[in-house]
Protein backbone atom coordinates (compact mmCIF):
# COMPACT_ATOMS: atom_id res chain seq x y z
CA MET A 1 0.01 -0.26 0.05
CA LYS A 2 1.15 3.49 -1.13
CA LYS A 3 0.92 6.23 1.58
CA ARG A 4 0.37 9.64 0.89
CA LEU A 5 0.77 12.72 2.65
CA ILE A 6 -2.72 14.98 3.42
CA THR A 7 -2.51 18.33 4.90
CA PHE A 8 -5.20 20.76 5.80
CA LYS A 9 -5.73 24.01 7.90
CA VAL A 10 -7.49 24.21 11.24
CA THR A 11 -8.34 27.12 13.72
CA ASP A 12 -6.32 27.84 16.64
CA SER A 13 -9.00 26.70 18.77
CA MET A 14 -9.06 23.59 17.18
CA ILE A 15 -5.55 23.03 17.66
CA LYS A 16 -6.52 24.10 21.78
CA TRP A 17 -8.83 21.16 21.51
CA MET A 18 -6.75 18.83 19.86
CA ASN A 19 -3.92 19.33 22.39
CA GLU A 20 -6.67 18.99 25.50
CA MET A 21 -7.80 15.79 23.47
CA MET A 22 -4.16 14.49 23.52
CA SER A 23 -3.99 14.78 27.01
CA VAL A 24 -7.19 13.18 27.99
CA GLU A 25 -7.16 10.35 25.48
CA ASN A 26 -2.95 9.88 25.50
CA TYR A 27 -2.60 10.40 22.02
CA ARG A 28 1.37 11.18 21.54
CA SER A 29 0.57 13.46 18.58
CA ARG A 30 -2.34 15.37 16.90
CA SER A 31 -1.63 13.13 13.64
CA GLU A 32 -2.09 9.98 15.59
CA LEU A 33 -5.48 11.79 16.87
CA VAL A 34 -6.45 12.90 13.24
CA ARG A 35 -5.75 9.44 11.75
CA ASP A 36 -7.98 7.94 14.71
CA ALA A 37 -10.67 10.29 14.03
CA LEU A 38 -10.69 10.16 10.40
CA ALA A 39 -10.77 6.26 10.83
CA GLU A 40 -13.58 6.17 13.13
CA PHE A 41 -15.54 8.71 11.05
CA LEU A 42 -14.92 6.90 7.59
CA ALA A 43 -15.76 3.35 9.60
CA LYS A 44 -19.32 4.92 10.94
CA GLU A 45 -20.44 6.87 7.93
CA TYR A 46 -19.01 5.17 4.88
CA TYR A 47 -18.76 1.59 6.23
CA ASN A 48 -21.00 0.22 3.25
CA GLY A 49 -19.57 2.50 0.68
CA GLU A 50 -22.75 4.30 0.73
CA ILE A 51 -21.91 8.20 0.27
CA PRO A 52 -24.46 10.25 1.85
CA SER A 53 -26.55 12.58 -0.64
CA TYR A 54 -25.43 15.84 1.50
CA SER A 55 -21.98 14.94 1.13
CA LYS A 56 -19.40 17.08 -0.91
CA ILE A 57 -18.23 13.53 -2.20
CA LYS A 58 -21.12 12.79 -3.82
CA GLU A 59 -21.91 15.97 -5.59
CA LYS A 60 -18.43 15.71 -6.96
CA GLU A 61 -19.41 12.30 -8.06
CA GLN A 62 -22.58 13.37 -9.72
CA LEU A 63 -20.87 16.16 -11.84
CA ASN A 64 -18.44 13.79 -12.78
CA ARG A 65 -20.93 11.63 -14.17
CA GLN A 66 -22.64 14.62 -16.29
């Protein structure tokens, strides 16, 4: 499996919250916290490969079909 780096911007308040969560949940880094949160989100929201109709991913998918 080839790994890719993904970056995104967050607000200062989100960084503060992530730092607090690192302490509470015993994460070693914000990256580890984000990886776990994203994996959990994907497992809950897209577990059957079904993309919700309100999703930006769904919008792009429909635009590409046209």
